[in-house]
Amino acid sequence: QPNLMIVLIKNAKGIGIDENLNLE
């Protein structure tokens, strides 16, 4: 069934691990 969605998404800050295994 056809649907159309309109969304406004925002950026958020998160925590990752870089290639040197440091938090970023």
PDBML (XML) file of the C-alpha atoms, coordinates in Angstrom:
<?xml version="1.0" encoding="UTF-8" ?>
<PDBx:datablock datablockName="MODEL"
   xmlns:PDBx="http://pdbml.pdb.org/schema/pdbx-v50.xsd"
   xmlns:xsi="http://www.w3.org/2001/XMLSchema-instance"
   xsi:schemaLocation="http://pdbml.pdb.org/schema/pdbx-v50.xsd pdbx-v50.xsd">
   <PDBx:atom_siteCategory>
      <PDBx:atom_site id="1">
         <PDBx:B_iso_or_equiv>0.00</PDBx:B_iso_or_equiv>
         <PDBx:Cartn_x>0.000</PDBx:Cartn_x>
         <PDBx:Cartn_y>0.000</PDBx:Cartn_y>
         <PDBx:Cartn_z>0.000</PDBx:Cartn_z>
         <PDBx:auth_asym_id>A</PDBx:auth_asym_id>
         <PDBx:auth_atom_id>CA</PDBx:auth_atom_id>
         <PDBx:auth_comp_id>GLN</PDBx:auth_comp_id>
         <PDBx:auth_seq_id>1</PDBx:auth_seq_id>
         <PDBx:group_PDB>ATOM</PDBx:group_PDB>
         <PDBx:label_alt_id xsi:nil="true" />
         <PDBx:label_asym_id>A</PDBx:label_asym_id>
         <PDBx:label_atom_id>CA</PDBx:label_atom_id>
         <PDBx:label_comp_id>GLN</PDBx:label_comp_id>
         <PDBx:label_entity_id>1</PDBx:label_entity_id>
         <PDBx:label_seq_id>1</PDBx:label_seq_id>
         <PDBx:occupancy>1.00</PDBx:occupancy>
         <PDBx:pdbx_PDB_model_num>1</PDBx:pdbx_PDB_model_num>
         <PDBx:type_symbol>C</PDBx:type_symbol>
      </PDBx:atom_site>
      <PDBx:atom_site id="2">
         <PDBx:B_iso_or_equiv>0.00</PDBx:B_iso_or_equiv>
         <PDBx:Cartn_x>1.362</PDBx:Cartn_x>
         <PDBx:Cartn_y>3.446</PDBx:Cartn_y>
         <PDBx:Cartn_z>-0.955</PDBx:Cartn_z>
         <PDBx:auth_asym_id>A</PDBx:auth_asym_id>
         <PDBx:auth_atom_id>CA</PDBx:auth_atom_id>
         <PDBx:auth_comp_id>PRO</PDBx:auth_comp_id>
         <PDBx:auth_seq_id>2</PDBx:auth_seq_id>
         <PDBx:group_PDB>ATOM</PDBx:group_PDB>
         <PDBx:label_alt_id xsi:nil="true" />
         <PDBx:label_asym_id>A</PDBx:label_asym_id>
         <PDBx:label_atom_id>CA</PDBx:label_atom_id>
         <PDBx:label_comp_id>PRO</PDBx:label_comp_id>
         <PDBx:label_entity_id>1</PDBx:label_entity_id>
         <PDBx:label_seq_id>2</PDBx:label_seq_id>
         <PDBx:occupancy>1.00</PDBx:occupancy>
         <PDBx:pdbx_PDB_model_num>1</PDBx:pdbx_PDB_model_num>
         <PDBx:type_symbol>C</PDBx:type_symbol>
      </PDBx:atom_site>
      <PDBx:atom_site id="3">
         <PDBx:B_iso_or_equiv>0.00</PDBx:B_iso_or_equiv>
         <PDBx:Cartn_x>2.472</PDBx:Cartn_x>
         <PDBx:Cartn_y>5.782</PDBx:Cartn_y>
         <PDBx:Cartn_z>1.824</PDBx:Cartn_z>
         <PDBx:auth_asym_id>A</PDBx:auth_asym_id>
         <PDBx:auth_atom_id>CA</PDBx:auth_atom_id>
         <PDBx:auth_comp_id>ASN</PDBx:auth_comp_id>
         <PDBx:auth_seq_id>3</PDBx:auth_seq_id>
         <PDBx:group_PDB>ATOM</PDBx:group_PDB>
         <PDBx:label_alt_id xsi:nil="true" />
         <PDBx:label_asym_id>A</PDBx:label_asym_id>
         <PDBx:label_atom_id>CA</PDBx:label_atom_id>
         <PDBx:label_comp_id>ASN</PDBx:label_comp_id>
         <PDBx:label_entity_id>1</PDBx:label_entity_id>
         <PDBx:label_seq_id>3</PDBx:label_seq_id>
         <PDBx:occupancy>1.00</PDBx:occupancy>
         <PDBx:pdbx_PDB_model_num>1</PDBx:pdbx_PDB_model_num>
         <PDBx:type_symbol>C</PDBx:type_symbol>
      </PDBx:atom_site>
      <PDBx:atom_site id="4">
         <PDBx:B_iso_or_equiv>0.00</PDBx:B_iso_or_equiv>
         <PDBx:Cartn_x>4.260</PDBx:Cartn_x>
         <PDBx:Cartn_y>9.110</PDBx:Cartn_y>
         <PDBx:Cartn_z>1.971</PDBx:Cartn_z>
         <PDBx:auth_asym_id>A</PDBx:auth_asym_id>
         <PDBx:auth_atom_id>CA</PDBx:auth_atom_id>
         <PDBx:auth_comp_id>LEU</PDBx:auth_comp_id>
         <PDBx:auth_seq_id>4</PDBx:auth_seq_id>
         <PDBx:group_PDB>ATOM</PDBx:group_PDB>
         <PDBx:label_alt_id xsi:nil="true" />
         <PDBx:label_asym_id>A</PDBx:label_asym_id>
         <PDBx:label_atom_id>CA</PDBx:label_atom_id>
         <PDBx:label_comp_id>LEU</PDBx:label_comp_id>
         <PDBx:label_entity_id>1</PDBx:label_entity_id>
         <PDBx:label_seq_id>4</PDBx:label_seq_id>
         <PDBx:occupancy>1.00</PDBx:occupancy>
         <PDBx:pdbx_PDB_model_num>1</PDBx:pdbx_PDB_model_num>
         <PDBx:type_symbol>C</PDBx:type_symbol>
      </PDBx:atom_site>
      <PDBx:atom_site id="5">
         <PDBx:B_iso_or_equiv>0.00</PDBx:B_iso_or_equiv>
         <PDBx:Cartn_x>6.240</PDBx:Cartn_x>
         <PDBx:Cartn_y>10.158</PDBx:Cartn_y>
         <PDBx:Cartn_z>5.017</PDBx:Cartn_z>
         <PDBx:auth_asym_id>A</PDBx:auth_asym_id>
         <PDBx:auth_atom_id>CA</PDBx:auth_atom_id>
         <PDBx:auth_comp_id>MET</PDBx:auth_comp_id>
         <PDBx:auth_seq_id>5</PDBx:auth_seq_id>
         <PDBx:group_PDB>ATOM</PDBx:group_PDB>
         <PDBx:label_alt_id xsi:nil="true" />
         <PDBx:label_asym_id>A</PDBx:label_asym_id>
         <PDBx:label_atom_id>CA</PDBx:label_atom_id>
         <PDBx:label_comp_id>MET</PDBx:label_comp_id>
         <PDBx:label_entity_id>1</PDBx:label_entity_id>
         <PDBx:label_seq_id>5</PDBx:label_seq_id>
         <PDBx:occupancy>1.00</PDBx:occupancy>
         <PDBx:pdbx_PDB_model_num>1</PDBx:pdbx_PDB_model_num>
         <PDBx:type_symbol>C</PDBx:type_symbol>
      </PDBx:atom_site>
      <PDBx:atom_site id="6">
         <PDBx:B_iso_or_equiv>0.00</PDBx:B_iso_or_equiv>
         <PDBx:Cartn_x>7.531</PDBx:Cartn_x>
         <PDBx:Cartn_y>13.662</PDBx:Cartn_y>
         <PDBx:Cartn_z>5.771</PDBx:Cartn_z>
         <PDBx:auth_asym_id>A</PDBx:auth_asym_id>
         <PDBx:auth_atom_id>CA</PDBx:auth_atom_id>
         <PDBx:auth_comp_id>ILE</PDBx:auth_comp_id>
         <PDBx:auth_seq_id>6</PDBx:auth_seq_id>
         <PDBx:group_PDB>ATOM</PDBx:group_PDB>
         <PDBx:label_alt_id xsi:nil="true" />
         <PDBx:label_asym_id>A</PDBx:label_asym_id>
         <PDBx:label_atom_id>CA</PDBx:label_atom_id>
         <PDBx:label_comp_id>ILE</PDBx:label_comp_id>
         <PDBx:label_entity_id>1</PDBx:label_entity_id>
         <PDBx:label_seq_id>6</PDBx:label_seq_id>
         <PDBx:occupancy>1.00</PDBx:occupancy>
         <PDBx:pdbx_PDB_model_num>1</PDBx:pdbx_PDB_model_num>
         <PDBx:type_symbol>C</PDBx:type_symbol>
      </PDBx:atom_site>
      <PDBx:atom_site id="7">
         <PDBx:B_iso_or_equiv>0.00</PDBx:B_iso_or_equiv>
         <PDBx:Cartn_x>10.084</PDBx:Cartn_x>
         <PDBx:Cartn_y>13.768</PDBx:Cartn_y>
         <PDBx:Cartn_z>8.590</PDBx:Cartn_z>
         <PDBx:auth_asym_id>A</PDBx:auth_asym_id>
         <PDBx:auth_atom_id>CA</PDBx:auth_atom_id>
         <PDBx:auth_comp_id>VAL</PDBx:auth_comp_id>
         <PDBx:auth_seq_id>7</PDBx:auth_seq_id>
         <PDBx:group_PDB>ATOM</PDBx:group_PDB>
         <PDBx:label_alt_id xsi:nil="true" />
         <PDBx:label_asym_id>A</PDBx:label_asym_id>
         <PDBx:label_atom_id>CA</PDBx:label_atom_id>
         <PDBx:label_comp_id>VAL</PDBx:label_comp_id>
         <PDBx:label_entity_id>1</PDBx:label_entity_id>
         <PDBx:label_seq_id>7</PDBx:label_seq_id>
         <PDBx:occupancy>1.00</PDBx:occupancy>
         <PDBx:pdbx_PDB_model_num>1</PDBx:pdbx_PDB_model_num>
         <PDBx:type_symbol>C</PDBx:type_symbol>
      </PDBx:atom_site>
      <PDBx:atom_site id="8">
         <PDBx:B_iso_or_equiv>0.00</PDBx:B_iso_or_equiv>
         <PDBx:Cartn_x>12.371</PDBx:Cartn_x>
         <PDBx:Cartn_y>16.373</PDBx:Cartn_y>
         <PDBx:Cartn_z>10.124</PDBx:Cartn_z>
         <PDBx:auth_asym_id>A</PDBx:auth_asym_id>
         <PDBx:auth_atom_id>CA</PDBx:auth_atom_id>
         <PDBx:auth_comp_id>LEU</PDBx:auth_comp_id>
         <PDBx:auth_seq_id>8</PDBx:auth_seq_id>
         <PDBx:group_PDB>ATOM</PDBx:group_PDB>
         <PDBx:label_alt_id xsi:nil="true" />
         <PDBx:label_asym_id>A</PDBx:label_asym_id>
         <PDBx:label_atom_id>CA</PDBx:label_atom_id>
         <PDBx:label_comp_id>LEU</PDBx:label_comp_id>
         <PDBx:label_entity_id>1</PDBx:label_entity_id>
         <PDBx:label_seq_id>8</PDBx:label_seq_id>
         <PDBx:occupancy>1.00</PDBx:occupancy>
         <PDBx:pdbx_PDB_model_num>1</PDBx:pdbx_PDB_model_num>
         <PDBx:type_symbol>C</PDBx:type_symbol>
      </PDBx:atom_site>
      <PDBx:atom_site id="9">
         <PDBx:B_iso_or_equiv>0.00</PDBx:B_iso_or_equiv>
         <PDBx:Cartn_x>15.431</PDBx:Cartn_x>
         <PDBx:Cartn_y>14.705</PDBx:Cartn_y>
         <PDBx:Cartn_z>11.637</PDBx:Cartn_z>
         <PDBx:auth_asym_id>A</PDBx:auth_asym_id>
         <PDBx:auth_atom_id>CA</PDBx:auth_atom_id>
         <PDBx:auth_comp_id>ILE</PDBx:auth_comp_id>
         <PDBx:auth_seq_id>9</PDBx:auth_seq_id>
         <PDBx:group_PDB>ATOM</PDBx:group_PDB>
         <PDBx:label_alt_id xsi:nil="true" />
         <PDBx:label_asym_id>A</PDBx:label_asym_id>
         <PDBx:label_atom_id>CA</PDBx:label_atom_id>
         <PDBx:label_comp_id>ILE</PDBx:label_comp_id>
         <PDBx:label_entity_id>1</PDBx:label_entity_id>
         <PDBx:label_seq_id>9</PDBx:label_seq_id>
         <PDBx:occupancy>1.00</PDBx:occupancy>
         <PDBx:pdbx_PDB_model_num>1</PDBx:pdbx_PDB_model_num>
         <PDBx:type_symbol>C</PDBx:type_symbol>
      </PDBx:atom_site>
      <PDBx:atom_site id="10">
         <PDBx:B_iso_or_equiv>0.00</PDBx:B_iso_or_equiv>
         <PDBx:Cartn_x>18.040</PDBx:Cartn_x>
         <PDBx:Cartn_y>16.455</PDBx:Cartn_y>
         <PDBx:Cartn_z>13.759</PDBx:Cartn_z>
         <PDBx:auth_asym_id>A</PDBx:auth_asym_id>
         <PDBx:auth_atom_id>CA</PDBx:auth_atom_id>
         <PDBx:auth_comp_id>LYS</PDBx:auth_comp_id>
         <PDBx:auth_seq_id>10</PDBx:auth_seq_id>
         <PDBx:group_PDB>ATOM</PDBx:group_PDB>
         <PDBx:label_alt_id xsi:nil="true" />
         <PDBx:label_asym_id>A</PDBx:label_asym_id>
         <PDBx:label_atom_id>CA</PDBx:label_atom_id>
         <PDBx:label_comp_id>LYS</PDBx:label_comp_id>
         <PDBx:label_entity_id>1</PDBx:label_entity_id>
         <PDBx:label_seq_id>10</PDBx:label_seq_id>
         <PDBx:occupancy>1.00</PDBx:occupancy>
         <PDBx:pdbx_PDB_model_num>1</PDBx:pdbx_PDB_model_num>
         <PDBx:type_symbol>C</PDBx:type_symbol>
      </PDBx:atom_site>
      <PDBx:atom_site id="11">
         <PDBx:B_iso_or_equiv>0.00</PDBx:B_iso_or_equiv>
         <PDBx:Cartn_x>21.667</PDBx:Cartn_x>
         <PDBx:Cartn_y>15.659</PDBx:Cartn_y>
         <PDBx:Cartn_z>14.435</PDBx:Cartn_z>
         <PDBx:auth_asym_id>A</PDBx:auth_asym_id>
         <PDBx:auth_atom_id>CA</PDBx:auth_atom_id>
         <PDBx:auth_comp_id>ASN</PDBx:auth_comp_id>
         <PDBx:auth_seq_id>11</PDBx:auth_seq_id>
         <PDBx:group_PDB>ATOM</PDBx:group_PDB>
         <PDBx:label_alt_id xsi:nil="true" />
         <PDBx:label_asym_id>A</PDBx:label_asym_id>
         <PDBx:label_atom_id>CA</PDBx:label_atom_id>
         <PDBx:label_comp_id>ASN</PDBx:label_comp_id>
         <PDBx:label_entity_id>1</PDBx:label_entity_id>
         <PDBx:label_seq_id>11</PDBx:label_seq_id>
         <PDBx:occupancy>1.00</PDBx:occupancy>
         <PDBx:pdbx_PDB_model_num>1</PDBx:pdbx_PDB_model_num>
         <PDBx:type_symbol>C</PDBx:type_symbol>
      </PDBx:atom_site>
      <PDBx:atom_site id="12">
         <PDBx:B_iso_or_equiv>0.00</PDBx:B_iso_or_equiv>
         <PDBx:Cartn_x>22.662</PDBx:Cartn_x>
         <PDBx:Cartn_y>14.407</PDBx:Cartn_y>
         <PDBx:Cartn_z>17.861</PDBx:Cartn_z>
         <PDBx:auth_asym_id>A</PDBx:auth_asym_id>
         <PDBx:auth_atom_id>CA</PDBx:auth_atom_id>
         <PDBx:auth_comp_id>ALA</PDBx:auth_comp_id>
         <PDBx:auth_seq_id>12</PDBx:auth_seq_id>
         <PDBx:group_PDB>ATOM</PDBx:group_PDB>
         <PDBx:label_alt_id xsi:nil="true" />
         <PDBx:label_asym_id>A</PDBx:label_asym_id>
         <PDBx:label_atom_id>CA</PDBx:label_atom_id>
         <PDBx:label_comp_id>ALA</PDBx:label_comp_id>
         <PDBx:label_entity_id>1</PDBx:label_entity_id>
         <PDBx:label_seq_id>12</PDBx:label_seq_id>
         <PDBx:occupancy>1.00</PDBx:occupancy>
         <PDBx:pdbx_PDB_model_num>1</PDBx:pdbx_PDB_model_num>
         <PDBx:type_symbol>C</PDBx:type_symbol>
      </PDBx:atom_site>
      <PDBx:atom_site id="13">
         <PDBx:B_iso_or_equiv>0.00</PDBx:B_iso_or_equiv>
         <PDBx:Cartn_x>26.015</PDBx:Cartn_x>
         <PDBx:Cartn_y>14.029</PDBx:Cartn_y>
         <PDBx:Cartn_z>19.567</PDBx:Cartn_z>
         <PDBx:auth_asym_id>A</PDBx:auth_asym_id>
         <PDBx:auth_atom_id>CA</PDBx:auth_atom_id>
         <PDBx:auth_comp_id>LYS</PDBx:auth_comp_id>
         <PDBx:auth_seq_id>13</PDBx:auth_seq_id>
         <PDBx:group_PDB>ATOM</PDBx:group_PDB>
         <PDBx:label_alt_id xsi:nil="true" />
         <PDBx:label_asym_id>A</PDBx:label_asym_id>
         <PDBx:label_atom_id>CA</PDBx:label_atom_id>
         <PDBx:label_comp_id>LYS</PDBx:label_comp_id>
         <PDBx:label_entity_id>1</PDBx:label_entity_id>
         <PDBx:label_seq_id>13</PDBx:label_seq_id>
         <PDBx:occupancy>1.00</PDBx:occupancy>
         <PDBx:pdbx_PDB_model_num>1</PDBx:pdbx_PDB_model_num>
         <PDBx:type_symbol>C</PDBx:type_symbol>
      </PDBx:atom_site>
      <PDBx:atom_site id="14">
         <PDBx:B_iso_or_equiv>0.00</PDBx:B_iso_or_equiv>
         <PDBx:Cartn_x>27.157</PDBx:Cartn_x>
         <PDBx:Cartn_y>10.496</PDBx:Cartn_y>
         <PDBx:Cartn_z>20.224</PDBx:Cartn_z>
         <PDBx:auth_asym_id>A</PDBx:auth_asym_id>
         <PDBx:auth_atom_id>CA</PDBx:auth_atom_id>
         <PDBx:auth_comp_id>GLY</PDBx:auth_comp_id>
         <PDBx:auth_seq_id>14</PDBx:auth_seq_id>
         <PDBx:group_PDB>ATOM</PDBx:group_PDB>
         <PDBx:label_alt_id xsi:nil="true" />
         <PDBx:label_asym_id>A</PDBx:label_asym_id>
         <PDBx:label_atom_id>CA</PDBx:label_atom_id>
         <PDBx:label_comp_id>GLY</PDBx:label_comp_id>
         <PDBx:label_entity_id>1</PDBx:label_entity_id>
         <PDBx:label_seq_id>14</PDBx:label_seq_id>
         <PDBx:occupancy>1.00</PDBx:occupancy>
         <PDBx:pdbx_PDB_model_num>1</PDBx:pdbx_PDB_model_num>
         <PDBx:type_symbol>C</PDBx:type_symbol>
      </PDBx:atom_site>
      <PDBx:atom_site id="15">
         <PDBx:B_iso_or_equiv>0.00</PDBx:B_iso_or_equiv>
         <PDBx:Cartn_x>30.230</PDBx:Cartn_x>
         <PDBx:Cartn_y>8.628</PDBx:Cartn_y>
         <PDBx:Cartn_z>21.379</PDBx:Cartn_z>
         <PDBx:auth_asym_id>A</PDBx:auth_asym_id>
         <PDBx:auth_atom_id>CA</PDBx:auth_atom_id>
         <PDBx:auth_comp_id>ILE</PDBx:auth_comp_id>
         <PDBx:auth_seq_id>15</PDBx:auth_seq_id>
         <PDBx:group_PDB>ATOM</PDBx:group_PDB>
         <PDBx:label_alt_id xsi:nil="true" />
         <PDBx:label_asym_id>A</PDBx:label_asym_id>
         <PDBx:label_atom_id>CA</PDBx:label_atom_id>
         <PDBx:label_comp_id>ILE</PDBx:label_comp_id>
         <PDBx:label_entity_id>1</PDBx:label_entity_id>
         <PDBx:label_seq_id>15</PDBx:label_seq_id>
         <PDBx:occupancy>1.00</PDBx:occupancy>
         <PDBx:pdbx_PDB_model_num>1</PDBx:pdbx_PDB_model_num>
         <PDBx:type_symbol>C</PDBx:type_symbol>
      </PDBx:atom_site>
      <PDBx:atom_site id="16">
         <PDBx:B_iso_or_equiv>0.00</PDBx:B_iso_or_equiv>
         <PDBx:Cartn_x>32.281</PDBx:Cartn_x>
         <PDBx:Cartn_y>6.382</PDBx:Cartn_y>
         <PDBx:Cartn_z>19.111</PDBx:Cartn_z>
         <PDBx:auth_asym_id>A</PDBx:auth_asym_id>
         <PDBx:auth_atom_id>CA</PDBx:auth_atom_id>
         <PDBx:auth_comp_id>GLY</PDBx:auth_comp_id>
         <PDBx:auth_seq_id>16</PDBx:auth_seq_id>
         <PDBx:group_PDB>ATOM</PDBx:group_PDB>
         <PDBx:label_alt_id xsi:nil="true" />
         <PDBx:label_asym_id>A</PDBx:label_asym_id>
         <PDBx:label_atom_id>CA</PDBx:label_atom_id>
         <PDBx:label_comp_id>GLY</PDBx:label_comp_id>
         <PDBx:label_entity_id>1</PDBx:label_entity_id>
         <PDBx:label_seq_id>16</PDBx:label_seq_id>
         <PDBx:occupancy>1.00</PDBx:occupancy>
         <PDBx:pdbx_PDB_model_num>1</PDBx:pdbx_PDB_model_num>
         <PDBx:type_symbol>C</PDBx:type_symbol>
      </PDBx:atom_site>
      <PDBx:atom_site id="17">
         <PDBx:B_iso_or_equiv>0.00</PDBx:B_iso_or_equiv>
         <PDBx:Cartn_x>35.643</PDBx:Cartn_x>
         <PDBx:Cartn_y>4.628</PDBx:Cartn_y>
         <PDBx:Cartn_z>19.187</PDBx:Cartn_z>
         <PDBx:auth_asym_id>A</PDBx:auth_asym_id>
         <PDBx:auth_atom_id>CA</PDBx:auth_atom_id>
         <PDBx:auth_comp_id>ILE</PDBx:auth_comp_id>
         <PDBx:auth_seq_id>17</PDBx:auth_seq_id>
         <PDBx:group_PDB>ATOM</PDBx:group_PDB>
         <PDBx:label_alt_id xsi:nil="true" />
         <PDBx:label_asym_id>A</PDBx:label_asym_id>
         <PDBx:label_atom_id>CA</PDBx:label_atom_id>
         <PDBx:label_comp_id>ILE</PDBx:label_comp_id>
         <PDBx:label_entity_id>1</PDBx:label_entity_id>
         <PDBx:label_seq_id>17</PDBx:label_seq_id>
         <PDBx:occupancy>1.00</PDBx:occupancy>
         <PDBx:pdbx_PDB_model_num>1</PDBx:pdbx_PDB_model_num>
         <PDBx:type_symbol>C</PDBx:type_symbol>
      </PDBx:atom_site>
      <PDBx:atom_site id="18">
         <PDBx:B_iso_or_equiv>0.00</PDBx:B_iso_or_equiv>
         <PDBx:Cartn_x>38.301</PDBx:Cartn_x>
         <PDBx:Cartn_y>5.680</PDBx:Cartn_y>
         <PDBx:Cartn_z>16.707</PDBx:Cartn_z>
         <PDBx:auth_asym_id>A</PDBx:auth_asym_id>
         <PDBx:auth_atom_id>CA</PDBx:auth_atom_id>
         <PDBx:auth_comp_id>ASP</PDBx:auth_comp_id>
         <PDBx:auth_seq_id>18</PDBx:auth_seq_id>
         <PDBx:group_PDB>ATOM</PDBx:group_PDB>
         <PDBx:label_alt_id xsi:nil="true" />
         <PDBx:label_asym_id>A</PDBx:label_asym_id>
         <PDBx:label_atom_id>CA</PDBx:label_atom_id>
         <PDBx:label_comp_id>ASP</PDBx:label_comp_id>
         <PDBx:label_entity_id>1</PDBx:label_entity_id>
         <PDBx:label_seq_id>18</PDBx:label_seq_id>
         <PDBx:occupancy>1.00</PDBx:occupancy>
         <PDBx:pdbx_PDB_model_num>1</PDBx:pdbx_PDB_model_num>
         <PDBx:type_symbol>C</PDBx:type_symbol>
      </PDBx:atom_site>
      <PDBx:atom_site id="19">
         <PDBx:B_iso_or_equiv>0.00</PDBx:B_iso_or_equiv>
         <PDBx:Cartn_x>40.927</PDBx:Cartn_x>
         <PDBx:Cartn_y>3.536</PDBx:Cartn_y>
         <PDBx:Cartn_z>14.984</PDBx:Cartn_z>
         <PDBx:auth_asym_id>A</PDBx:auth_asym_id>
         <PDBx:auth_atom_id>CA</PDBx:auth_atom_id>
         <PDBx:auth_comp_id>GLU</PDBx:auth_comp_id>
         <PDBx:auth_seq_id>19</PDBx:auth_seq_id>
         <PDBx:group_PDB>ATOM</PDBx:group_PDB>
         <PDBx:label_alt_id xsi:nil="true" />
         <PDBx:label_asym_id>A</PDBx:label_asym_id>
         <PDBx:label_atom_id>CA</PDBx:label_atom_id>
         <PDBx:label_comp_id>GLU</PDBx:label_comp_id>
         <PDBx:label_entity_id>1</PDBx:label_entity_id>
         <PDBx:label_seq_id>19</PDBx:label_seq_id>
         <PDBx:occupancy>1.00</PDBx:occupancy>
         <PDBx:pdbx_PDB_model_num>1</PDBx:pdbx_PDB_model_num>
         <PDBx:type_symbol>C</PDBx:type_symbol>
      </PDBx:atom_site>
      <PDBx:atom_site id="20">
         <PDBx:B_iso_or_equiv>0.00</PDBx:B_iso_or_equiv>
         <PDBx:Cartn_x>43.307</PDBx:Cartn_x>
         <PDBx:Cartn_y>4.083</PDBx:Cartn_y>
         <PDBx:Cartn_z>17.918</PDBx:Cartn_z>
         <PDBx:auth_asym_id>A</PDBx:auth_asym_id>
         <PDBx:auth_atom_id>CA</PDBx:auth_atom_id>
         <PDBx:auth_comp_id>ASN</PDBx:auth_comp_id>
         <PDBx:auth_seq_id>20</PDBx:auth_seq_id>
         <PDBx:group_PDB>ATOM</PDBx:group_PDB>
         <PDBx:label_alt_id xsi:nil="true" />
         <PDBx:label_asym_id>A</PDBx:label_asym_id>
         <PDBx:label_atom_id>CA</PDBx:label_atom_id>
         <PDBx:label_comp_id>ASN</PDBx:label_comp_id>
         <PDBx:label_entity_id>1</PDBx:label_entity_id>
         <PDBx:label_seq_id>20</PDBx:label_seq_id>
         <PDBx:occupancy>1.00</PDBx:occupancy>
         <PDBx:pdbx_PDB_model_num>1</PDBx:pdbx_PDB_model_num>
         <PDBx:type_symbol>C</PDBx:type_symbol>
      </PDBx:atom_site>
      <PDBx:atom_site id="21">
         <PDBx:B_iso_or_equiv>0.00</PDBx:B_iso_or_equiv>
         <PDBx:Cartn_x>40.679</PDBx:Cartn_x>
         <PDBx:Cartn_y>2.757</PDBx:Cartn_y>
         <PDBx:Cartn_z>20.327</PDBx:Cartn_z>
         <PDBx:auth_asym_id>A</PDBx:auth_asym_id>
         <PDBx:auth_atom_id>CA</PDBx:auth_atom_id>
         <PDBx:auth_comp_id>LEU</PDBx:auth_comp_id>
         <PDBx:auth_seq_id>21</PDBx:auth_seq_id>
         <PDBx:group_PDB>ATOM</PDBx:group_PDB>
         <PDBx:label_alt_id xsi:nil="true" />
         <PDBx:label_asym_id>A</PDBx:label_asym_id>
         <PDBx:label_atom_id>CA</PDBx:label_atom_id>
         <PDBx:label_comp_id>LEU</PDBx:label_comp_id>
         <PDBx:label_entity_id>1</PDBx:label_entity_id>
         <PDBx:label_seq_id>21</PDBx:label_seq_id>
         <PDBx:occupancy>1.00</PDBx:occupancy>
         <PDBx:pdbx_PDB_model_num>1</PDBx:pdbx_PDB_model_num>
         <PDBx:type_symbol>C</PDBx:type_symbol>
      </PDBx:atom_site>
      <PDBx:atom_site id="22">
         <PDBx:B_iso_or_equiv>0.00</PDBx:B_iso_or_equiv>
         <PDBx:Cartn_x>40.065</PDBx:Cartn_x>
         <PDBx:Cartn_y>6.174</PDBx:Cartn_y>
         <PDBx:Cartn_z>21.833</PDBx:Cartn_z>
         <PDBx:auth_asym_id>A</PDBx:auth_asym_id>
         <PDBx:auth_atom_id>CA</PDBx:auth_atom_id>
         <PDBx:auth_comp_id>ASN</PDBx:auth_comp_id>
         <PDBx:auth_seq_id>22</PDBx:auth_seq_id>
         <PDBx:group_PDB>ATOM</PDBx:group_PDB>
         <PDBx:label_alt_id xsi:nil="true" />
         <PDBx:label_asym_id>A</PDBx:label_asym_id>
         <PDBx:label_atom_id>CA</PDBx:label_atom_id>
         <PDBx:label_comp_id>ASN</PDBx:label_comp_id>
         <PDBx:label_entity_id>1</PDBx:label_entity_id>
         <PDBx:label_seq_id>22</PDBx:label_seq_id>
         <PDBx:occupancy>1.00</PDBx:occupancy>
         <PDBx:pdbx_PDB_model_num>1</PDBx:pdbx_PDB_model_num>
         <PDBx:type_symbol>C</PDBx:type_symbol>
      </PDBx:atom_site>
      <PDBx:atom_site id="23">
         <PDBx:B_iso_or_equiv>0.00</PDBx:B_iso_or_equiv>
         <PDBx:Cartn_x>36.651</PDBx:Cartn_x>
         <PDBx:Cartn_y>7.556</PDBx:Cartn_y>
         <PDBx:Cartn_z>22.609</PDBx:Cartn_z>
         <PDBx:auth_asym_id>A</PDBx:auth_asym_id>
         <PDBx:auth_atom_id>CA</PDBx:auth_atom_id>
         <PDBx:auth_comp_id>LEU</PDBx:auth_comp_id>
         <PDBx:auth_seq_id>23</PDBx:auth_seq_id>
         <PDBx:group_PDB>ATOM</PDBx:group_PDB>
         <PDBx:label_alt_id xsi:nil="true" />
         <PDBx:label_asym_id>A</PDBx:label_asym_id>
         <PDBx:label_atom_id>CA</PDBx:label_atom_id>
         <PDBx:label_comp_id>LEU</PDBx:label_comp_id>
         <PDBx:label_entity_id>1</PDBx:label_entity_id>
         <PDBx:label_seq_id>23</PDBx:label_seq_id>
         <PDBx:occupancy>1.00</PDBx:occupancy>
         <PDBx:pdbx_PDB_model_num>1</PDBx:pdbx_PDB_model_num>
         <PDBx:type_symbol>C</PDBx:type_symbol>
      </PDBx:atom_site>
      <PDBx:atom_site id="24">
         <PDBx:B_iso_or_equiv>0.00</PDBx:B_iso_or_equiv>
         <PDBx:Cartn_x>35.546</PDBx:Cartn_x>
         <PDBx:Cartn_y>10.332</PDBx:Cartn_y>
         <PDBx:Cartn_z>20.255</PDBx:Cartn_z>
         <PDBx:auth_asym_id>A</PDBx:auth_asym_id>
         <PDBx:auth_atom_id>CA</PDBx:auth_atom_id>
         <PDBx:auth_comp_id>GLU</PDBx:auth_comp_id>
         <PDBx:auth_seq_id>24</PDBx:auth_seq_id>
         <PDBx:group_PDB>ATOM</PDBx:group_PDB>
         <PDBx:label_alt_id xsi:nil="true" />
         <PDBx:label_asym_id>A</PDBx:label_asym_id>
         <PDBx:label_atom_id>CA</PDBx:label_atom_id>
         <PDBx:label_comp_id>GLU</PDBx:label_comp_id>
         <PDBx:label_entity_id>1</PDBx:label_entity_id>
         <PDBx:label_seq_id>24</PDBx:label_seq_id>
         <PDBx:occupancy>1.00</PDBx:occupancy>
         <PDBx:pdbx_PDB_model_num>1</PDBx:pdbx_PDB_model_num>
         <PDBx:type_symbol>C</PDBx:type_symbol>
      </PDBx:atom_site>
   </PDBx:atom_siteCategory>
</PDBx:datablock>
